[in-house]
C-alpha atoms as a PDB file:
ATOM      1  CA  MET A   1     -17.824  -6.376 -40.036  1.00  0.00           C
ATOM      2  CA  LYS A   2     -14.775  -7.949 -38.486  1.00  0.00           C
ATOM      3  CA  LYS A   3     -11.456  -6.270 -39.041  1.00  0.00           C
ATOM      4  CA  PRO A   4      -8.845  -8.264 -40.997  1.00  0.00           C
ATOM      5  CA  LEU A   5      -6.329 -10.058 -38.822  1.00  0.00           C
ATOM      6  CA  SER A   6      -3.492  -7.931 -40.231  1.00  0.00           C
ATOM      7  CA  HIS A   7      -5.183  -4.775 -38.888  1.00  0.00           C
ATOM      8  CA  VAL A   8      -5.403  -6.310 -35.438  1.00  0.00           C
ATOM      9  CA  ILE A   9      -1.741  -7.299 -35.506  1.00  0.00           C
ATOM     10  CA  ARG A  10      -0.698  -3.807 -36.577  1.00  0.00           C
ATOM     11  CA  PHE A  11      -2.807  -2.325 -33.795  1.00  0.00           C
ATOM     12  CA  LEU A  12      -1.188  -4.580 -31.176  1.00  0.00           C
ATOM     13  CA  ILE A  13       2.298  -3.779 -32.457  1.00  0.00           C
ATOM     14  CA  GLY A  14       1.488  -0.069 -32.295  1.00  0.00           C
ATOM     15  CA  MET A  15       0.329  -0.380 -28.710  1.00  0.00           C
ATOM     16  CA  CYS A  16       3.539  -2.181 -27.762  1.00  0.00           C
ATOM     17  CA  VAL A  17       5.648   0.553 -29.363  1.00  0.00           C
ATOM     18  CA  LEU A  18       3.738   3.244 -27.499  1.00  0.00           C
ATOM     19  CA  MET A  19       4.252   1.470 -24.190  1.00  0.00           C
ATOM     20  CA  LEU A  20       7.962   1.103 -24.846  1.00  0.00           C
ATOM     21  CA  LEU A  21       8.289   4.768 -25.726  1.00  0.00           C
ATOM     22  CA  SER A  22       6.335   5.874 -22.688  1.00  0.00           C
ATOM     23  CA  SER A  23       8.431   3.689 -20.402  1.00  0.00           C
ATOM     24  CA  CYS A  24      11.476   5.721 -21.420  1.00  0.00           C
ATOM     25  CA  ALA A  25       9.781   8.825 -20.077  1.00  0.00           C
ATOM     26  CA  SER A  26       8.314   7.580 -16.811  1.00  0.00           C
ATOM     27  CA  THR A  27       9.835  10.605 -15.082  1.00  0.00           C
ATOM     28  CA  ALA A  28      10.863  14.054 -16.285  1.00  0.00           C
ATOM     29  CA  LYS A  29      13.130  16.797 -15.030  1.00  0.00           C
ATOM     30  CA  SER A  30      11.339  19.270 -12.784  1.00  0.00           C
ATOM     31  CA  ARG A  31      11.329  22.952 -13.715  1.00  0.00           C
ATOM     32  CA  ASP A  32      13.164  24.070 -10.618  1.00  0.00           C
ATOM     33  CA  ALA A  33      15.954  22.726  -8.412  1.00  0.00           C
ATOM     34  CA  ALA A  34      15.543  23.264  -4.688  1.00  0.00           C
ATOM     35  CA  LYS A  35      18.671  23.563  -2.554  1.00  0.00           C
ATOM     36  CA  SER A  36      18.360  21.694   0.720  1.00  0.00           C
ATOM     37  CA  GLY A  37      21.523  22.681   2.567  1.00  0.00           C
ATOM     38  CA  PHE A  38      23.052  19.197   2.311  1.00  0.00           C
ATOM     39  CA  LEU A  39      25.865  20.426   0.084  1.00  0.00           C
ATOM     40  CA  GLU A  40      28.220  22.837   1.801  1.00  0.00           C
ATOM     41  CA  ASN A  41      28.933  24.878  -1.336  1.00  0.00           C
ATOM     42  CA  TYR A  42      26.379  25.636  -4.081  1.00  0.00           C
ATOM     43  CA  GLY A  43      28.383  28.463  -5.617  1.00  0.00           C
ATOM     44  CA  GLN A  44      30.302  26.137  -7.951  1.00  0.00           C
ATOM     45  CA  LEU A  45      27.171  24.631  -9.477  1.00  0.00           C
ATOM     46  CA  LYS A  46      25.878  25.801 -12.851  1.00  0.00           C
ATOM     47  CA  VAL A  47      22.607  25.165 -14.672  1.00  0.00           C
ATOM     48  CA  GLY A  48      22.868  21.817 -16.448  1.00  0.00           C
ATOM     49  CA  THR A  49      22.007  20.955 -20.026  1.00  0.00           C
ATOM     50  CA  GLU A  50      18.986  18.877 -21.021  1.00  0.00           C
ATOM     51  CA  ASP A  51      20.640  15.526 -20.220  1.00  0.00           C
ATOM     52  CA  GLN A  52      22.325  16.761 -17.031  1.00  0.00           C
ATOM     53  CA  ALA A  53      21.094  17.484 -13.534  1.00  0.00           C
ATOM     54  CA  GLN A  54      19.410  20.828 -12.986  1.00  0.00           C
ATOM     55  CA  LEU A  55      22.507  22.126 -11.201  1.00  0.00           C
ATOM     56  CA  ILE A  56      25.868  20.513 -11.896  1.00  0.00           C
ATOM     57  CA  TYR A  57      29.581  20.896 -11.184  1.00  0.00           C
ATOM     58  CA  ILE A  58      32.386  18.782 -12.658  1.00  0.00           C
ATOM     59  CA  ASP A  59      36.052  19.539 -12.037  1.00  0.00           C
ATOM     60  CA  SER A  60      37.494  19.454 -15.549  1.00  0.00           C
ATOM     61  CA  THR A  61      41.057  19.034 -14.243  1.00  0.00           C
ATOM     62  CA  VAL A  62      40.410  15.661 -12.580  1.00  0.00           C
ATOM     63  CA  ASP A  63      41.783  12.432 -14.032  1.00  0.00           C
ATOM     64  CA  PHE A  64      38.802  10.174 -13.355  1.00  0.00           C
ATOM     65  CA  LYS A  65      40.689   7.124 -14.630  1.00  0.00           C
ATOM     66  CA  ALA A  66      42.743   7.279 -11.437  1.00  0.00           C
ATOM     67  CA  TYR A  67      39.752   6.330  -9.299  1.00  0.00           C
ATOM     68  CA  LYS A  68      38.889   2.636  -9.051  1.00  0.00           C
ATOM     69  CA  LYS A  69      36.874   2.443  -5.829  1.00  0.00           C
ATOM     70  CA  ILE A  70      34.018   4.187  -4.032  1.00  0.00           C
ATOM     71  CA  LEU A  71      33.461   4.836  -0.349  1.00  0.00           C
ATOM     72  CA  MET A  72      29.741   5.534  -0.033  1.00  0.00           C
ATOM     73  CA  ASP A  73      28.314   7.367   2.950  1.00  0.00           C
ATOM     74  CA  PRO A  74      24.905   6.277   4.266  1.00  0.00           C
ATOM     75  CA  ILE A  75      22.194   8.214   2.409  1.00  0.00           C
ATOM     76  CA  LYS A  76      20.577  10.954   4.469  1.00  0.00           C
ATOM     77  CA  VAL A  77      17.209  12.707   4.278  1.00  0.00           C
ATOM     78  CA  TYR A  78      16.765  16.480   4.292  1.00  0.00           C
ATOM     79  CA  ALA A  79      13.254  17.817   4.869  1.00  0.00           C
ATOM     80  CA  ALA A  80      11.835  21.343   4.806  1.00  0.00           C
ATOM     81  CA  GLU A  81      11.084  23.075   8.077  1.00  0.00           C
ATOM     82  CA  LYS A  82       7.455  23.679   7.121  1.00  0.00           C
ATOM     83  CA  ASP A  83       4.927  21.728   5.050  1.00  0.00           C
ATOM     84  CA  SER A  84       7.403  18.950   4.327  1.00  0.00           C
ATOM     85  CA  ASN A  85       6.111  16.110   2.183  1.00  0.00           C
ATOM     86  CA  LEU A  86       8.793  13.885   3.646  1.00  0.00           C
ATOM     87  CA  LYS A  87       7.451  14.475   7.141  1.00  0.00           C
ATOM     88  CA  LYS A  88       4.127  13.008   6.050  1.00  0.00           C
ATOM     89  CA  LEU A  89       5.746   9.624   5.575  1.00  0.00           C
ATOM     90  CA  SER A  90       6.302   7.098   8.326  1.00  0.00           C
ATOM     91  CA  LYS A  91       9.821   6.234   9.419  1.00  0.00           C
ATOM     92  CA  GLU A  92       9.389   2.805   7.811  1.00  0.00           C
ATOM     93  CA  GLU A  93       8.416   4.391   4.489  1.00  0.00           C
ATOM     94  CA  ILE A  94      11.395   6.731   4.500  1.00  0.00           C
ATOM     95  CA  GLN A  95      13.715   3.897   5.494  1.00  0.00           C
ATOM     96  CA  ALA A  96      12.486   1.834   2.552  1.00  0.00           C
ATOM     97  CA  LEU A  97      13.113   4.705   0.132  1.00  0.00           C
ATOM     98  CA  VAL A  98      16.658   5.462   1.292  1.00  0.00           C
ATOM     99  CA  ASN A  99      17.509   1.761   1.224  1.00  0.00           C
ATOM    100  CA  TYR A 100      16.218   1.464  -2.336  1.00  0.00           C
ATOM    101  CA  LEU A 101      18.234   4.474  -3.522  1.00  0.00           C
ATOM    102  CA  ASP A 102      21.347   3.097  -1.833  1.00  0.00           C
ATOM    103  CA  ALA A 103      20.790  -0.311  -3.459  1.00  0.00           C
ATOM    104  CA  THR A 104      20.201   0.955  -6.998  1.00  0.00           C
ATOM    105  CA  ILE A 105      23.270   3.232  -6.846  1.00  0.00           C
ATOM    106  CA  ARG A 106      25.464   0.343  -5.719  1.00  0.00           C
ATOM    107  CA  GLU A 107      23.943  -1.990  -8.304  1.00  0.00           C
ATOM    108  CA  ASN A 108      24.816   0.396 -11.139  1.00  0.00           C
ATOM    109  CA  LEU A 109      28.228   1.590  -9.972  1.00  0.00           C
ATOM    110  CA  LYS A 110      29.558  -1.855  -9.052  1.00  0.00           C
ATOM    111  CA  LYS A 111      29.858  -2.485 -12.805  1.00  0.00           C
ATOM    112  CA  ASP A 112      32.880  -0.178 -12.839  1.00  0.00           C
ATOM    113  CA  TYR A 113      33.953   0.317  -9.217  1.00  0.00           C
ATOM    114  CA  THR A 114      34.701  -1.667  -6.089  1.00  0.00           C
ATOM    115  CA  PHE A 115      32.899  -0.450  -2.989  1.00  0.00           C
ATOM    116  CA  VAL A 116      35.188  -0.103   0.013  1.00  0.00           C
ATOM    117  CA  ASP A 117      34.857   1.000   3.632  1.00  0.00           C
ATOM    118  CA  ALA A 118      38.033   3.077   3.992  1.00  0.00           C
ATOM    119  CA  PRO A 119      39.671   6.040   2.187  1.00  0.00           C
ATOM    120  CA  GLY A 120      42.524   5.474  -0.256  1.00  0.00           C
ATOM    121  CA  THR A 121      44.527   7.021  -3.074  1.00  0.00           C
ATOM    122  CA  ASP A 122      42.184   5.630  -5.736  1.00  0.00           C
ATOM    123  CA  VAL A 123      38.957   6.039  -3.753  1.00  0.00           C
ATOM    124  CA  MET A 124      36.132   8.523  -4.347  1.00  0.00           C
ATOM    125  CA  ARG A 125      33.789   9.296  -1.482  1.00  0.00           C
ATOM    126  CA  LEU A 126      30.126   9.486  -2.501  1.00  0.00           C
ATOM    127  CA  ARG A 127      27.688  11.590  -0.471  1.00  0.00           C
ATOM    128  CA  VAL A 128      23.952  11.470  -1.296  1.00  0.00           C
ATOM    129  CA  ALA A 129      20.802  12.961   0.229  1.00  0.00           C
ATOM    130  CA  ILE A 130      17.111  12.647  -0.525  1.00  0.00           C
ATOM    131  CA  THR A 131      15.758  16.203  -0.467  1.00  0.00           C
ATOM    132  CA  ASP A 132      12.358  17.800  -0.152  1.00  0.00           C
ATOM    133  CA  ALA A 133      12.198  21.524  -0.859  1.00  0.00           C
ATOM    134  CA  GLU A 134      14.104  24.782  -0.638  1.00  0.00           C
ATOM    135  CA  ASP A 135      15.829  25.454   2.675  1.00  0.00           C
ATOM    136  CA  SER A 136      15.341  21.818   3.663  1.00  0.00           C
ATOM    137  CA  ASN A 137      17.697  22.086   6.599  1.00  0.00           C
ATOM    138  CA  VAL A 138      15.918  19.653   8.880  1.00  0.00           C
ATOM    139  CA  THR A 139      17.743  16.334   8.843  1.00  0.00           C
ATOM    140  CA  LEU A 140      15.448  13.400   9.507  1.00  0.00           C
ATOM    141  CA  ASP A 141      16.860  10.649  11.715  1.00  0.00           C
ATOM    142  CA  THR A 142      17.061   8.098   8.916  1.00  0.00           C
ATOM    143  CA  ILE A 143      20.078   6.788   7.035  1.00  0.00           C
ATOM    144  CA  SER A 144      20.343   4.010   4.483  1.00  0.00           C
ATOM    145  CA  SER A 145      21.209   0.397   5.135  1.00  0.00           C
ATOM    146  CA  ILE A 146      23.066  -1.739   2.610  1.00  0.00           C
ATOM    147  CA  LEU A 147      20.626  -4.122   0.922  1.00  0.00           C
ATOM    148  CA  PRO A 148      20.614  -6.049  -2.384  1.00  0.00           C
ATOM    149  CA  ILE A 149      18.445  -4.334  -4.989  1.00  0.00           C
ATOM    150  CA  GLY A 150      15.903  -7.173  -5.077  1.00  0.00           C
ATOM    151  CA  ILE A 151      15.288  -7.056  -1.340  1.00  0.00           C
ATOM    152  CA  ALA A 152      15.101  -3.254  -1.336  1.00  0.00           C
ATOM    153  CA  LEU A 153      12.511  -3.262  -4.120  1.00  0.00           C
ATOM    154  CA  ASN A 154      10.474  -5.968  -2.405  1.00  0.00           C
ATOM    155  CA  VAL A 155      10.312  -3.888   0.780  1.00  0.00           C
ATOM    156  CA  ILE A 156       8.830  -0.986  -1.177  1.00  0.00           C
ATOM    157  CA  GLN A 157       6.336  -3.147  -3.046  1.00  0.00           C
ATOM    158  CA  VAL A 158       5.165  -5.076  -0.003  1.00  0.00           C
ATOM    159  CA  GLY A 159       5.868  -2.950   3.035  1.00  0.00           C
ATOM    160  CA  ILE A 160       4.730   0.521   1.950  1.00  0.00           C
ATOM    161  CA  THR A 161       0.994   1.087   1.805  1.00  0.00           C
ATOM    162  CA  GLY A 162       0.639   4.766   2.663  1.00  0.00           C
ATOM    163  CA  LYS A 163      -0.002   7.516   0.144  1.00  0.00           C
ATOM    164  CA  SER A 164       1.400  11.013   0.031  1.00  0.00           C
ATOM    165  CA  SER A 165       1.761  13.902  -2.370  1.00  0.00           C
ATOM    166  CA  PHE A 166       5.498  13.232  -2.146  1.00  0.00           C
ATOM    167  CA  VAL A 167       5.293  10.109  -4.283  1.00  0.00           C
ATOM    168  CA  GLY A 168       4.826  12.070  -7.525  1.00  0.00           C
ATOM    169  CA  GLU A 169       8.249  13.680  -7.333  1.00  0.00           C
ATOM    170  CA  ALA A 170      11.712  13.113  -5.955  1.00  0.00           C
ATOM    171  CA  GLY A 171      14.700  15.306  -5.170  1.00  0.00           C
ATOM    172  CA  ILE A 172      18.360  14.437  -4.750  1.00  0.00           C
ATOM    173  CA  GLU A 173      21.675  16.099  -3.993  1.00  0.00           C
ATOM    174  CA  ALA A 174      24.976  14.299  -4.425  1.00  0.00           C
ATOM    175  CA  GLU A 175      28.677  14.864  -4.628  1.00  0.00           C
ATOM    176  CA  LEU A 176      31.824  12.856  -5.226  1.00  0.00           C
ATOM    177  CA  ILE A 177      34.960  13.991  -3.429  1.00  0.00           C
ATOM    178  CA  ASP A 178      38.502  12.687  -3.113  1.00  0.00           C
ATOM    179  CA  SER A 179      38.402  10.393  -0.098  1.00  0.00           C
ATOM    180  CA  GLN A 180      41.773  11.575   1.203  1.00  0.00           C
ATOM    181  CA  ASN A 181      42.000  15.316   0.636  1.00  0.00           C
ATOM    182  CA  GLY A 182      38.280  16.146   0.372  1.00  0.00           C
ATOM    183  CA  LYS A 183      38.586  17.859  -3.018  1.00  0.00           C
ATOM    184  CA  ARG A 184      35.217  18.083  -4.768  1.00  0.00           C
ATOM    185  CA  LEU A 185      35.133  16.190  -8.050  1.00  0.00           C
ATOM    186  CA  ILE A 186      31.431  16.286  -8.988  1.00  0.00           C
ATOM    187  CA  ALA A 187      28.337  17.790  -7.405  1.00  0.00           C
ATOM    188  CA  ALA A 188      24.715  17.813  -8.549  1.00  0.00           C
ATOM    189  CA  VAL A 189      21.221  18.909  -7.534  1.00  0.00           C
ATOM    190  CA  ASP A 190      18.233  17.455  -9.348  1.00  0.00           C
ATOM    191  CA  ARG A 191      14.495  16.939  -9.041  1.00  0.00           C
ATOM    192  CA  ARG A 192      12.188  14.770 -11.138  1.00  0.00           C
ATOM    193  CA  VAL A 193       8.425  14.384 -11.417  1.00  0.00           C
ATOM    194  CA  GLY A 194       6.474  11.301 -12.414  1.00  0.00           C
ATOM    195  CA  ALA A 195       4.518  10.828 -15.610  1.00  0.00           C
ATOM    196  CA  LYS A 196       0.849   9.880 -15.442  1.00  0.00           C
ATOM    197  CA  TYR A 197       1.380   6.812 -17.596  1.00  0.00           C
ATOM    198  CA  THR A 198       4.661   4.903 -17.595  1.00  0.00           C
ATOM    199  CA  GLY A 199       3.938   1.944 -19.855  1.00  0.00           C
ATOM    200  CA  LYS A 200       5.158  -0.377 -17.105  1.00  0.00           C
ATOM    201  CA  PHE A 201       1.747  -1.526 -15.874  1.00  0.00           C
ATOM    202  CA  ASP A 202       2.472   0.224 -12.565  1.00  0.00           C
ATOM    203  CA  LYS A 203      -0.285   2.873 -12.539  1.00  0.00           C
ATOM    204  CA  PHE A 204      -1.475   1.428  -9.230  1.00  0.00           C
ATOM    205  CA  ASN A 205       1.982   1.599  -7.689  1.00  0.00           C
ATOM    206  CA  GLU A 206       1.973   5.038  -6.077  1.00  0.00           C
ATOM    207  CA  TRP A 207       5.740   4.852  -5.598  1.00  0.00           C
ATOM    208  CA  HIS A 208       6.816   4.368  -9.208  1.00  0.00           C
ATOM    209  CA  ALA A 209       7.759   8.038  -9.738  1.00  0.00           C
ATOM    210  CA  VAL A 210      10.192   7.910  -6.843  1.00  0.00           C
ATOM    211  CA  THR A 211      11.781   4.555  -7.602  1.00  0.00           C
ATOM    212  CA  ASP A 212      11.974   5.346 -11.331  1.00  0.00           C
ATOM    213  CA  SER A 213      13.737   8.616 -10.472  1.00  0.00           C
ATOM    214  CA  TYR A 214      16.196   6.767  -8.253  1.00  0.00           C
ATOM    215  CA  ASP A 215      16.900   4.256 -11.032  1.00  0.00           C
ATOM    216  CA  TYR A 216      17.372   7.092 -13.527  1.00  0.00           C
ATOM    217  CA  TRP A 217      19.870   8.912 -11.295  1.00  0.00           C
ATOM    218  CA  ALA A 218      21.838   5.747 -10.564  1.00  0.00           C
ATOM    219  CA  GLN A 219      22.034   4.798 -14.245  1.00  0.00           C
ATOM    220  CA  ARG A 220      22.925   8.353 -15.257  1.00  0.00           C
ATOM    221  CA  MET A 221      25.662   8.477 -12.615  1.00  0.00           C
ATOM    222  CA  GLN A 222      27.185   5.274 -13.969  1.00  0.00           C
ATOM    223  CA  THR A 223      27.033   6.534 -17.567  1.00  0.00           C
ATOM    224  CA  ARG A 224      28.513   9.951 -16.767  1.00  0.00           C
ATOM    225  CA  LEU A 225      31.416   8.505 -14.797  1.00  0.00           C
ATOM    226  CA  SER A 226      32.134   6.140 -17.662  1.00  0.00           C
ATOM    227  CA  GLU A 227      32.227   9.092 -20.058  1.00  0.00           C
ATOM    228  CA  LEU A 228      34.552  11.029 -17.760  1.00  0.00           C
ATOM    229  CA  ARG A 229      36.962   8.096 -17.559  1.00  0.00           C
ATOM    230  CA  GLN A 230      37.059   8.160 -21.356  1.00  0.00           C
ATOM    231  CA  GLY A 231      37.979  11.833 -21.302  1.00  0.00           C
ATOM    232  CA  LYS A 232      34.566  13.188 -22.301  1.00  0.00           C
ATOM    233  CA  LYS A 233      33.859  16.423 -20.426  1.00  0.00           C
END
Protein backbone atom coordinates (compact mmCIF):
# COMPACT_ATOMS: atom_id res chain seq x y z
CA MET A 1 0.00 0.00 0.00
CA LYS A 2 1.32 3.41 -0.90
CA LYS A 3 2.14 5.78 1.90
CA PRO A 4 0.08 8.99 2.08
CA LEU A 5 1.76 11.99 0.52
CA SER A 6 1.91 13.75 3.91
CA HIS A 7 4.08 10.91 5.28
CA VAL A 8 6.49 11.30 2.39
CA ILE A 9 6.72 15.05 2.91
CA ARG A 10 7.39 14.60 6.63
CA PHE A 11 10.08 12.05 5.83
CA LEU A 12 11.80 14.41 3.38
CA ILE A 13 11.65 17.29 5.85
CA GLY A 14 13.16 15.06 8.53
CA MET A 15 16.01 14.09 6.24
CA CYS A 16 16.73 17.74 5.48
CA VAL A 17 16.82 18.58 9.19
CA LEU A 18 19.23 15.73 9.87
CA MET A 19 21.55 16.88 7.11
CA LEU A 20 21.52 20.43 8.43
CA LEU A 21 22.30 19.27 11.94
CA SER A 22 25.09 17.00 10.78
CA SER A 23 26.63 19.78 8.70
CA CYS A 24 27.14 21.76 11.91
CA ALA A 25 29.28 18.94 13.24
CA SER A 26 31.41 18.07 10.22
CA THR A 27 34.48 18.22 12.46
CA ALA A 28 35.01 17.79 16.19
CA LYS A 29 37.69 18.74 18.67
CA SER A 30 40.37 16.08 19.05
CA ARG A 31 41.04 14.60 22.48
CA ASP A 32 44.61 15.80 22.65
CA ALA A 33 46.56 18.87 21.54
CA ALA A 34 50.02 18.24 20.15
CA LYS A 35 52.65 20.96 20.55
CA SER A 36 54.74 21.40 17.43
CA GLY A 37 57.39 23.88 18.53
CA PHE A 38 56.03 26.68 16.33
CA LEU A 39 55.08 28.78 19.34
CA GLU A 40 58.05 29.95 21.38
CA ASN A 41 56.22 29.81 24.72
CA TYR A 42 53.60 27.20 25.67
CA GLY A 43 53.77 27.91 29.39
CA GLN A 44 51.10 30.62 29.22
CA LEU A 45 48.52 28.38 27.57
CA LYS A 46 45.75 26.76 29.59
CA VAL A 47 43.24 24.04 28.73
CA GLY A 48 40.33 25.65 26.88
CA THR A 49 36.62 25.24 27.49
CA GLU A 50 34.31 23.32 25.16
CA ASP A 51 33.97 26.18 22.65
CA GLN A 52 37.64 27.19 22.82
CA ALA A 53 40.82 25.74 21.39
CA GLN A 54 42.36 22.85 23.28
CA LEU A 55 45.07 25.14 24.64
CA ILE A 56 44.43 28.87 24.83
CA TYR A 57 45.93 32.11 26.14
CA ILE A 58 44.28 35.54 26.07
CA ASP A 59 45.84 38.59 27.71
CA SER A 60 42.95 39.97 29.74
CA THR A 61 44.62 43.39 30.07
CA VAL A 62 44.60 44.14 26.33
CA ASP A 63 42.24 46.71 24.83
CA PHE A 64 41.35 44.89 21.62
CA LYS A 65 39.32 47.86 20.37
CA ALA A 66 42.62 49.64 19.78
CA TYR A 67 43.57 47.27 16.98
CA LYS A 68 42.12 47.96 13.54
CA LYS A 69 44.53 46.16 11.21
CA ILE A 70 46.31 42.83 10.81
CA LEU A 71 49.75 42.02 9.48
CA MET A 72 49.61 38.33 8.59
CA ASP A 73 52.75 36.26 8.23
CA PRO A 74 52.83 33.56 5.54
CA ILE A 75 51.45 30.32 7.00
CA LYS A 76 54.11 27.72 7.73
CA VAL A 77 54.01 23.93 8.06
CA TYR A 78 55.49 22.00 10.98
CA ALA A 79 55.88 18.25 10.57
CA ALA A 80 57.00 15.53 12.98
CA GLU A 81 60.49 14.11 12.65
CA LYS A 82 59.19 10.55 12.29
CA ASP A 83 56.06 9.05 10.73
CA SER A 84 54.75 12.44 9.66
CA ASN A 85 51.43 12.42 7.84
CA LEU A 86 52.33 15.76 6.32
CA LYS A 87 55.44 14.26 4.74
CA LYS A 88 53.23 11.82 2.85
CA LEU A 89 51.73 14.67 0.87
CA SER A 90 53.26 16.17 -2.24
CA LYS A 91 54.55 19.73 -2.19
CA GLU A 92 51.62 20.73 -4.42
CA GLU A 93 49.12 19.23 -1.97
CA ILE A 94 50.66 21.02 1.00
CA GLN A 95 50.83 24.27 -0.94
CA ALA A 96 47.12 24.01 -1.74
CA LEU A 97 46.26 23.45 1.92
CA VAL A 98 48.28 26.38 3.28
CA ASN A 99 46.86 28.65 0.58
CA TYR A 100 43.32 27.62 1.49
CA LEU A 101 43.88 28.26 5.21
CA ASP A 102 45.41 31.65 4.42
CA ALA A 103 42.46 32.53 2.17
CA THR A 104 39.71 31.52 4.59
CA ILE A 105 41.36 33.41 7.48
CA ARG A 106 41.60 36.57 5.39
CA GLU A 107 38.05 36.14 4.10
CA ASN A 108 36.66 36.01 7.65
CA LEU A 109 38.84 38.64 9.31
CA LYS A 110 38.50 41.23 6.55
CA LYS A 111 34.95 41.80 7.83
CA ASP A 112 36.44 43.63 10.81
CA TYR A 113 40.08 44.38 9.96
CA THR A 114 42.20 45.83 7.19
CA PHE A 115 45.12 43.66 6.15
CA VAL A 116 48.38 45.59 5.89
CA ASP A 117 52.00 44.80 5.04
CA ALA A 118 53.77 46.87 7.71
CA PRO A 119 53.69 47.19 11.53
CA GLY A 120 51.82 50.06 13.18
CA THR A 121 50.32 51.30 16.43
CA ASP A 122 46.93 49.74 15.66
CA VAL A 123 48.25 46.60 13.96
CA MET A 124 48.20 43.02 15.25
CA ARG A 125 50.63 40.54 13.76
CA LEU A 126 49.10 37.12 13.07
CA ARG A 127 51.31 34.02 13.01
CA VAL A 128 49.82 30.66 11.96
CA ALA A 129 51.19 27.16 11.37
CA ILE A 130 49.69 23.91 10.14
CA THR A 131 50.94 21.24 12.55
CA ASP A 132 51.23 17.48 12.50
CA ALA A 133 52.09 15.84 15.81
CA GLU A 134 53.99 16.27 19.06
CA ASP A 135 57.55 17.55 18.72
CA SER A 136 56.84 18.56 15.13
CA ASN A 137 60.02 20.58 14.86
CA VAL A 138 60.72 19.90 11.21
CA THR A 139 59.68 22.91 9.15
CA LEU A 140 58.63 21.99 5.64
CA ASP A 141 59.74 24.37 2.89
CA THR A 142 56.24 25.61 2.14
CA ILE A 143 54.60 28.91 2.99
CA SER A 144 51.23 30.30 1.96
CA SER A 145 50.50 32.54 -0.98
CA ILE A 146 47.72 35.13 -0.93
CA LEU A 147 44.78 33.87 -2.99
CA PRO A 148 41.03 34.67 -3.07
CA ILE A 149 39.00 32.02 -1.27
CA GLY A 150 37.28 30.84 -4.45
CA ILE A 151 40.54 30.19 -6.26
CA ALA A 152 42.07 28.49 -3.22
CA LEU A 153 39.09 26.15 -2.89
CA ASN A 154 39.12 25.36 -6.60
CA VAL A 155 42.78 24.34 -6.40
CA ILE A 156 41.94 21.83 -3.66
CA GLN A 157 38.92 20.44 -5.48
CA VAL A 158 40.62 20.12 -8.84
CA GLY A 159 44.34 19.87 -8.23
CA ILE A 160 44.57 17.44 -5.30
CA THR A 161 43.97 13.80 -6.10
CA GLY A 162 46.17 11.98 -3.60
CA LYS A 163 44.93 10.31 -0.44
CA SER A 164 46.53 10.19 2.97
CA SER A 165 45.64 9.38 6.55
CA PHE A 166 46.27 13.07 7.23
CA VAL A 167 43.05 14.16 5.56
CA GLY A 168 40.87 12.97 8.47
CA GLU A 169 42.35 15.45 10.91
CA ALA A 170 44.01 18.84 11.06
CA GLY A 171 46.17 20.68 13.56
CA ILE A 172 46.89 24.38 13.96
CA GLU A 173 48.87 26.73 16.16
CA ALA A 174 48.38 30.48 16.05
CA GLU A 175 49.13 33.65 17.92
CA LEU A 176 48.38 37.34 17.66
CA ILE A 177 51.04 39.74 18.90
CA ASP A 178 51.46 43.50 18.95
CA SER A 179 53.19 44.30 15.67
CA GLN A 180 55.48 46.90 17.25
CA ASN A 181 56.55 45.60 20.65
CA GLY A 182 55.95 41.87 20.12
CA LYS A 183 53.68 41.49 23.17
CA ARG A 184 51.57 38.34 22.94
CA LEU A 185 47.85 39.05 22.84
CA ILE A 186 46.35 35.64 22.03
CA ALA A 187 47.79 32.18 21.45
CA ALA A 188 46.09 28.87 20.70
CA VAL A 189 46.78 25.22 19.89
CA ASP A 190 44.00 23.09 18.46
CA ARG A 191 43.35 19.87 16.57
CA ARG A 192 40.15 18.66 14.92
CA VAL A 193 39.03 15.37 13.40
CA GLY A 194 36.51 14.84 10.63
CA ALA A 195 33.09 13.27 10.99
CA LYS A 196 32.15 10.29 8.83
CA TYR A 197 29.08 12.04 7.48
CA THR A 198 28.92 15.81 7.09
CA GLY A 199 25.55 16.36 5.43
CA LYS A 200 27.29 18.39 2.72
CA PHE A 201 27.26 15.72 0.01
CA ASP A 202 31.07 15.64 0.21
CA LYS A 203 31.66 12.05 1.39
CA PHE A 204 33.79 11.51 -1.71
CA ASN A 205 35.89 14.59 -1.04
CA GLU A 206 38.74 13.18 1.04
CA TRP A 207 39.81 16.70 2.01
CA HIS A 208 36.59 17.91 3.63
CA ALA A 209 37.80 17.30 7.21
CA VAL A 210 40.79 19.55 6.66
CA THR A 211 39.04 22.37 4.82
CA ASP A 212 36.08 22.26 7.22
CA SER A 213 38.52 22.55 10.14
CA TYR A 214 40.21 25.52 8.49
CA ASP A 215 36.83 27.21 7.94
CA TYR A 216 35.86 26.52 11.56
CA TRP A 217 39.07 28.05 12.93
CA ALA A 218 38.80 31.12 10.71
CA GLN A 219 35.17 31.72 11.66
CA ARG A 220 35.89 31.11 15.35
CA MET A 221 38.82 33.54 15.23
CA GLN A 222 36.59 36.24 13.76
CA THR A 223 33.86 35.63 16.36
CA ARG A 224 36.26 35.60 19.32
CA LEU A 225 37.98 38.82 18.28
CA SER A 226 34.59 40.45 17.89
CA GLU A 227 33.68 39.37 21.42
CA LEU A 228 36.96 40.70 22.80
CA ARG A 229 36.40 44.08 21.16
CA GLN A 230 33.06 44.19 22.97
CA GLY A 231 34.78 43.55 26.27
CA LYS A 232 33.80 39.89 26.62
CA LYS A 233 36.66 37.92 28.17
